[in-house]
Amino acid sequence: MRKRDTREIFAFKSMVKQAMVSRNQVAHVRAERDMLATAGERSEWIVMLHYSFQDARNLYMVMEYLPGGDLMSLLMREETLSEPATLFYVAETALAIASVHAHGYLHRDLKPDNLLLDHRGHIKLTDL
């Protein structure tokens, strides 16, 4: 069987299991994985999880790649956003948070680093 090269790009997150245990983060990481697996497919506001797997040492998540980077990088690059741009990102962030709440979850670490931008500049939440 020959593999087909789709040229798709994914984001890859690896987490050391022992670190999660020592920081008492196992339940949090499990909830994040569950949220991404269920809501990410149905919500335009949440990063999609394609796969998750583990080995003896690490937990891995293969997620949607968002080429726009994060809002923090945009803020650092632009220094100041125009009022229309600010209103756009605040409104999209509010809609993204509402989407998370509609799925029965809370975002524990909302900050510009966790607001990713797709290829059109629209917000998607990560690090739930």
N, C-alpha and C. Protein backbone atom coordinates (compact mmCIF):
# COMPACT_ATOMS: atom_id res chain seq x y z
N MET A 1 0.84 -1.18 0.00
CA MET A 1 0.00 0.00 0.00
C MET A 1 0.89 1.24 0.00
N ARG A 2 0.57 2.16 -0.85
CA ARG A 2 1.35 3.37 -0.99
C ARG A 2 0.67 4.51 -0.24
N LYS A 3 1.44 5.28 0.54
CA LYS A 3 0.89 6.42 1.26
C LYS A 3 0.75 7.60 0.31
N ARG A 4 -0.32 8.31 0.50
CA ARG A 4 -0.58 9.50 -0.31
C ARG A 4 -0.07 10.72 0.44
N ASP A 5 0.71 11.54 -0.20
CA ASP A 5 1.22 12.77 0.39
C ASP A 5 0.18 13.86 0.19
N THR A 6 -0.47 14.28 1.28
CA THR A 6 -1.51 15.30 1.19
C THR A 6 -0.98 16.71 1.39
N ARG A 7 0.26 16.82 1.84
CA ARG A 7 0.89 18.11 2.12
C ARG A 7 0.18 18.87 3.24
N GLU A 8 -0.62 18.17 4.03
CA GLU A 8 -1.28 18.81 5.16
C GLU A 8 -0.27 19.09 6.26
N ILE A 9 -0.49 20.19 6.95
CA ILE A 9 0.38 20.57 8.07
C ILE A 9 -0.45 20.50 9.34
N PHE A 10 0.14 19.94 10.39
CA PHE A 10 -0.53 19.82 11.68
C PHE A 10 0.33 20.44 12.77
N ALA A 11 -0.30 20.82 13.86
CA ALA A 11 0.41 21.25 15.06
C ALA A 11 0.55 20.02 15.95
N PHE A 12 1.69 19.89 16.59
CA PHE A 12 1.98 18.71 17.41
C PHE A 12 2.35 19.17 18.82
N LYS A 13 1.62 18.68 19.81
CA LYS A 13 1.87 19.04 21.20
C LYS A 13 2.23 17.77 21.96
N SER A 14 3.36 17.80 22.66
CA SER A 14 3.72 16.65 23.48
C SER A 14 3.85 17.11 24.93
N MET A 15 3.38 16.26 25.84
CA MET A 15 3.41 16.57 27.26
C MET A 15 3.99 15.38 28.01
N VAL A 16 4.90 15.65 28.92
CA VAL A 16 5.51 14.60 29.73
C VAL A 16 4.50 14.18 30.80
N LYS A 17 4.18 12.90 30.81
CA LYS A 17 3.16 12.39 31.75
C LYS A 17 3.55 12.63 33.20
N GLN A 18 4.80 12.36 33.54
CA GLN A 18 5.23 12.51 34.93
C GLN A 18 5.07 13.96 35.40
N ALA A 19 5.33 14.92 34.52
CA ALA A 19 5.15 16.33 34.87
C ALA A 19 3.68 16.64 35.14
N MET A 20 2.79 16.05 34.35
CA MET A 20 1.35 16.26 34.56
C MET A 20 0.93 15.70 35.91
N VAL A 21 1.46 14.54 36.27
CA VAL A 21 1.12 13.91 37.54
C VAL A 21 1.65 14.76 38.69
N SER A 22 2.91 15.18 38.62
CA SER A 22 3.51 15.94 39.72
C SER A 22 2.87 17.31 39.90
N ARG A 23 2.31 17.88 38.83
CA ARG A 23 1.63 19.17 38.92
C ARG A 23 0.12 19.02 39.15
N ASN A 24 -0.30 17.79 39.36
CA ASN A 24 -1.72 17.51 39.58
C ASN A 24 -2.59 18.03 38.42
N GLN A 25 -2.12 17.80 37.19
CA GLN A 25 -2.80 18.29 35.99
C GLN A 25 -3.46 17.20 35.16
N VAL A 26 -3.50 15.98 35.66
CA VAL A 26 -4.02 14.87 34.87
C VAL A 26 -5.49 15.11 34.48
N ALA A 27 -6.30 15.49 35.42
CA ALA A 27 -7.72 15.72 35.13
C ALA A 27 -7.89 16.89 34.16
N HIS A 28 -7.09 17.92 34.33
CA HIS A 28 -7.16 19.08 33.44
C HIS A 28 -6.80 18.69 32.00
N VAL A 29 -5.73 17.95 31.83
CA VAL A 29 -5.29 17.54 30.49
C VAL A 29 -6.32 16.60 29.86
N ARG A 30 -6.87 15.71 30.64
CA ARG A 30 -7.90 14.80 30.13
C ARG A 30 -9.13 15.60 29.67
N ALA A 31 -9.53 16.60 30.47
CA ALA A 31 -10.68 17.43 30.11
C ALA A 31 -10.38 18.23 28.84
N GLU A 32 -9.17 18.75 28.72
CA GLU A 32 -8.79 19.49 27.51
C GLU A 32 -8.85 18.58 26.28
N ARG A 33 -8.31 17.38 26.40
CA ARG A 33 -8.34 16.44 25.29
C ARG A 33 -9.77 16.08 24.90
N ASP A 34 -10.62 15.83 25.91
CA ASP A 34 -12.02 15.50 25.64
C ASP A 34 -12.73 16.67 24.96
N MET A 35 -12.48 17.88 25.45
CA MET A 35 -13.11 19.06 24.88
C MET A 35 -12.68 19.25 23.42
N LEU A 36 -11.39 19.16 23.16
CA LEU A 36 -10.90 19.33 21.79
C LEU A 36 -11.43 18.23 20.87
N ALA A 37 -11.52 17.02 21.38
CA ALA A 37 -11.99 15.90 20.56
C ALA A 37 -13.45 16.03 20.20
N THR A 38 -14.26 16.55 21.09
CA THR A 38 -15.70 16.65 20.81
C THR A 38 -16.09 18.00 20.22
N ALA A 39 -15.66 19.08 20.83
CA ALA A 39 -16.11 20.40 20.39
C ALA A 39 -15.33 20.94 19.21
N GLY A 40 -14.04 20.58 19.11
CA GLY A 40 -13.21 21.10 18.03
C GLY A 40 -13.72 20.75 16.64
N GLU A 41 -14.38 19.62 16.52
CA GLU A 41 -14.94 19.22 15.23
C GLU A 41 -16.19 20.01 14.88
N ARG A 42 -16.89 20.48 15.91
CA ARG A 42 -18.18 21.14 15.69
C ARG A 42 -18.13 22.64 15.84
N SER A 43 -17.05 23.19 16.35
CA SER A 43 -17.00 24.62 16.63
C SER A 43 -15.96 25.32 15.77
N GLU A 44 -16.37 26.41 15.16
CA GLU A 44 -15.43 27.20 14.38
C GLU A 44 -14.49 28.01 15.28
N TRP A 45 -14.73 27.97 16.60
CA TRP A 45 -13.97 28.80 17.54
C TRP A 45 -12.93 28.02 18.34
N ILE A 46 -12.86 26.72 18.18
CA ILE A 46 -11.97 25.89 18.98
C ILE A 46 -11.06 25.09 18.05
N VAL A 47 -9.78 25.04 18.38
CA VAL A 47 -8.81 24.29 17.58
C VAL A 47 -9.24 22.82 17.52
N MET A 48 -9.15 22.24 16.33
CA MET A 48 -9.58 20.85 16.15
C MET A 48 -8.45 19.88 16.51
N LEU A 49 -8.79 18.88 17.29
CA LEU A 49 -7.88 17.79 17.61
C LEU A 49 -8.10 16.68 16.59
N HIS A 50 -7.05 16.31 15.86
CA HIS A 50 -7.16 15.24 14.87
C HIS A 50 -6.88 13.88 15.49
N TYR A 51 -5.83 13.81 16.32
CA TYR A 51 -5.44 12.54 16.94
C TYR A 51 -4.83 12.82 18.31
N SER A 52 -4.93 11.85 19.18
CA SER A 52 -4.15 11.87 20.42
C SER A 52 -3.68 10.44 20.67
N PHE A 53 -2.48 10.33 21.21
CA PHE A 53 -1.92 9.02 21.53
C PHE A 53 -0.86 9.21 22.59
N GLN A 54 -0.37 8.11 23.12
CA GLN A 54 0.63 8.19 24.17
C GLN A 54 1.62 7.04 24.06
N ASP A 55 2.76 7.25 24.70
CA ASP A 55 3.72 6.17 24.89
C ASP A 55 4.01 6.14 26.39
N ALA A 56 5.02 5.42 26.79
CA ALA A 56 5.31 5.27 28.22
C ALA A 56 5.65 6.60 28.89
N ARG A 57 6.21 7.53 28.14
CA ARG A 57 6.69 8.79 28.72
C ARG A 57 5.80 10.01 28.44
N ASN A 58 5.22 10.08 27.26
CA ASN A 58 4.53 11.30 26.82
C ASN A 58 3.10 11.06 26.36
N LEU A 59 2.35 12.14 26.39
CA LEU A 59 1.02 12.22 25.77
C LEU A 59 1.18 13.16 24.59
N TYR A 60 0.61 12.79 23.44
CA TYR A 60 0.75 13.58 22.23
C TYR A 60 -0.63 13.98 21.71
N MET A 61 -0.71 15.21 21.18
CA MET A 61 -1.93 15.66 20.53
C MET A 61 -1.55 16.26 19.17
N VAL A 62 -2.21 15.78 18.13
CA VAL A 62 -2.02 16.29 16.78
C VAL A 62 -3.24 17.14 16.47
N MET A 63 -2.99 18.43 16.28
CA MET A 63 -4.10 19.38 16.15
C MET A 63 -4.01 20.17 14.85
N GLU A 64 -5.08 20.85 14.59
CA GLU A 64 -5.17 21.75 13.45
C GLU A 64 -4.05 22.80 13.55
N TYR A 65 -3.38 23.04 12.43
CA TYR A 65 -2.35 24.07 12.38
C TYR A 65 -2.99 25.39 11.95
N LEU A 66 -2.69 26.44 12.69
CA LEU A 66 -3.23 27.77 12.39
C LEU A 66 -2.08 28.69 12.01
N PRO A 67 -1.98 29.02 10.73
CA PRO A 67 -0.81 29.75 10.23
C PRO A 67 -0.73 31.21 10.65
N GLY A 68 -1.79 31.76 11.23
CA GLY A 68 -1.78 33.17 11.63
C GLY A 68 -1.04 33.45 12.92
N GLY A 69 -0.56 32.39 13.59
CA GLY A 69 0.13 32.60 14.87
C GLY A 69 -0.86 32.88 15.99
N ASP A 70 -0.39 33.58 17.00
CA ASP A 70 -1.28 33.90 18.12
C ASP A 70 -1.47 35.40 18.25
N LEU A 71 -2.46 35.79 19.03
CA LEU A 71 -2.78 37.20 19.18
C LEU A 71 -1.65 37.96 19.86
N MET A 72 -0.92 37.32 20.77
CA MET A 72 0.20 38.00 21.43
C MET A 72 1.26 38.41 20.41
N SER A 73 1.58 37.54 19.48
CA SER A 73 2.57 37.88 18.44
C SER A 73 2.07 39.03 17.58
N LEU A 74 0.78 39.03 17.26
CA LEU A 74 0.20 40.13 16.49
C LEU A 74 0.32 41.43 17.27
N LEU A 75 -0.02 41.40 18.56
CA LEU A 75 0.07 42.60 19.39
C LEU A 75 1.50 43.11 19.49
N MET A 76 2.45 42.21 19.61
CA MET A 76 3.86 42.62 19.69
C MET A 76 4.33 43.22 18.36
N ARG A 77 3.89 42.64 17.27
CA ARG A 77 4.29 43.11 15.94
C ARG A 77 3.67 44.47 15.63
N GLU A 78 2.39 44.63 15.94
CA GLU A 78 1.67 45.86 15.59
C GLU A 78 1.81 46.96 16.65
N GLU A 79 2.17 46.61 17.86
CA GLU A 79 2.27 47.50 19.01
C GLU A 79 0.91 48.04 19.45
N THR A 80 0.15 48.61 18.54
CA THR A 80 -1.18 49.12 18.86
C THR A 80 -2.14 48.67 17.76
N LEU A 81 -3.29 48.15 18.17
CA LEU A 81 -4.31 47.78 17.19
C LEU A 81 -5.28 48.94 17.01
N SER A 82 -5.80 49.08 15.82
CA SER A 82 -6.82 50.11 15.58
C SER A 82 -8.08 49.75 16.36
N GLU A 83 -8.94 50.72 16.54
CA GLU A 83 -10.20 50.45 17.24
C GLU A 83 -11.03 49.38 16.53
N PRO A 84 -11.19 49.44 15.20
CA PRO A 84 -11.95 48.38 14.52
C PRO A 84 -11.32 46.99 14.71
N ALA A 85 -9.99 46.91 14.65
CA ALA A 85 -9.32 45.62 14.84
C ALA A 85 -9.52 45.13 16.27
N THR A 86 -9.43 46.02 17.23
CA THR A 86 -9.64 45.66 18.63
C THR A 86 -11.05 45.15 18.84
N LEU A 87 -12.04 45.85 18.30
CA LEU A 87 -13.43 45.41 18.43
C LEU A 87 -13.63 44.05 17.77
N PHE A 88 -13.01 43.82 16.64
CA PHE A 88 -13.11 42.54 15.94
C PHE A 88 -12.59 41.41 16.82
N TYR A 89 -11.39 41.57 17.38
CA TYR A 89 -10.80 40.49 18.19
C TYR A 89 -11.51 40.31 19.52
N VAL A 90 -11.99 41.37 20.11
CA VAL A 90 -12.76 41.24 21.36
C VAL A 90 -14.07 40.51 21.09
N ALA A 91 -14.76 40.87 20.00
CA ALA A 91 -16.03 40.22 19.66
C ALA A 91 -15.81 38.74 19.35
N GLU A 92 -14.79 38.43 18.57
CA GLU A 92 -14.53 37.02 18.26
C GLU A 92 -14.13 36.24 19.50
N THR A 93 -13.38 36.85 20.39
CA THR A 93 -12.99 36.18 21.64
C THR A 93 -14.23 35.88 22.48
N ALA A 94 -15.16 36.84 22.55
CA ALA A 94 -16.40 36.62 23.30
C ALA A 94 -17.20 35.47 22.70
N LEU A 95 -17.29 35.41 21.39
CA LEU A 95 -18.00 34.31 20.73
C LEU A 95 -17.30 32.97 20.98
N ALA A 96 -15.98 32.98 20.96
CA ALA A 96 -15.22 31.75 21.22
C ALA A 96 -15.44 31.26 22.65
N ILE A 97 -15.42 32.17 23.61
CA ILE A 97 -15.67 31.80 25.01
C ILE A 97 -17.09 31.26 25.17
N ALA A 98 -18.05 31.90 24.52
CA ALA A 98 -19.43 31.43 24.59
C ALA A 98 -19.54 30.01 24.02
N SER A 99 -18.79 29.72 22.98
CA SER A 99 -18.80 28.38 22.39
C SER A 99 -18.26 27.35 23.38
N VAL A 100 -17.17 27.68 24.06
CA VAL A 100 -16.62 26.78 25.08
C VAL A 100 -17.65 26.53 26.17
N HIS A 101 -18.30 27.60 26.64
CA HIS A 101 -19.32 27.46 27.69
C HIS A 101 -20.50 26.63 27.21
N ALA A 102 -20.89 26.80 25.96
CA ALA A 102 -22.01 26.03 25.41
C ALA A 102 -21.72 24.54 25.39
N HIS A 103 -20.44 24.18 25.36
CA HIS A 103 -20.06 22.77 25.41
C HIS A 103 -19.84 22.28 26.84
N GLY A 104 -20.11 23.15 27.82
CA GLY A 104 -20.02 22.75 29.22
C GLY A 104 -18.63 22.83 29.82
N TYR A 105 -17.75 23.62 29.21
CA TYR A 105 -16.38 23.76 29.71
C TYR A 105 -16.08 25.22 30.02
N LEU A 106 -15.01 25.44 30.77
CA LEU A 106 -14.48 26.77 31.04
C LEU A 106 -13.06 26.83 30.51
N HIS A 107 -12.64 27.99 30.05
CA HIS A 107 -11.25 28.18 29.65
C HIS A 107 -10.49 28.69 30.86
N ARG A 108 -9.52 27.92 31.32
CA ARG A 108 -8.81 28.26 32.56
C ARG A 108 -7.63 29.21 32.35
N ASP A 109 -7.22 29.42 31.12
CA ASP A 109 -6.00 30.17 30.88
C ASP A 109 -6.15 31.09 29.67
N LEU A 110 -7.15 31.95 29.74
CA LEU A 110 -7.43 32.84 28.62
C LEU A 110 -6.42 34.00 28.61
N LYS A 111 -5.65 34.05 27.55
CA LYS A 111 -4.65 35.10 27.37
C LYS A 111 -4.32 35.17 25.88
N PRO A 112 -3.70 36.27 25.43
CA PRO A 112 -3.43 36.41 23.99
C PRO A 112 -2.62 35.27 23.39
N ASP A 113 -1.76 34.61 24.18
CA ASP A 113 -0.98 33.49 23.66
C ASP A 113 -1.86 32.30 23.29
N ASN A 114 -3.05 32.19 23.90
CA ASN A 114 -3.95 31.06 23.66
C ASN A 114 -5.09 31.40 22.70
N LEU A 115 -4.98 32.55 22.07
CA LEU A 115 -5.92 32.94 21.02
C LEU A 115 -5.17 32.85 19.70
N LEU A 116 -5.42 31.78 18.97
CA LEU A 116 -4.72 31.56 17.71
C LEU A 116 -5.50 32.15 16.55
N LEU A 117 -4.80 32.43 15.46
CA LEU A 117 -5.41 33.06 14.29
C LEU A 117 -5.32 32.12 13.08
N ASP A 118 -6.44 31.93 12.42
CA ASP A 118 -6.43 31.08 11.23
C ASP A 118 -5.88 31.87 10.03
N HIS A 119 -5.93 31.28 8.86
CA HIS A 119 -5.35 31.92 7.67
C HIS A 119 -6.07 33.20 7.25
N ARG A 120 -7.30 33.41 7.76
CA ARG A 120 -8.05 34.63 7.45
C ARG A 120 -8.00 35.64 8.60
N GLY A 121 -7.29 35.27 9.70
CA GLY A 121 -7.18 36.18 10.83
C GLY A 121 -8.27 36.02 11.88
N HIS A 122 -9.05 34.94 11.79
CA HIS A 122 -10.11 34.70 12.77
C HIS A 122 -9.57 33.91 13.96
N ILE A 123 -10.18 34.17 15.12
CA ILE A 123 -9.76 33.59 16.40
C ILE A 123 -10.18 32.13 16.52
N LYS A 124 -9.28 31.32 17.11
CA LYS A 124 -9.61 29.97 17.59
C LYS A 124 -8.91 29.80 18.93
N LEU A 125 -9.62 29.20 19.88
CA LEU A 125 -9.06 28.98 21.21
C LEU A 125 -8.24 27.70 21.28
N THR A 126 -7.19 27.75 22.07
CA THR A 126 -6.38 26.58 22.34
C THR A 126 -6.02 26.57 23.83
N ASP A 127 -5.35 25.54 24.27
CA ASP A 127 -4.94 25.38 25.67
C ASP A 127 -6.12 25.53 26.62
N LEU A 128 -7.12 24.74 26.37
CA LEU A 128 -8.32 24.78 27.21
C LEU A 128 -7.98 24.12 28.50
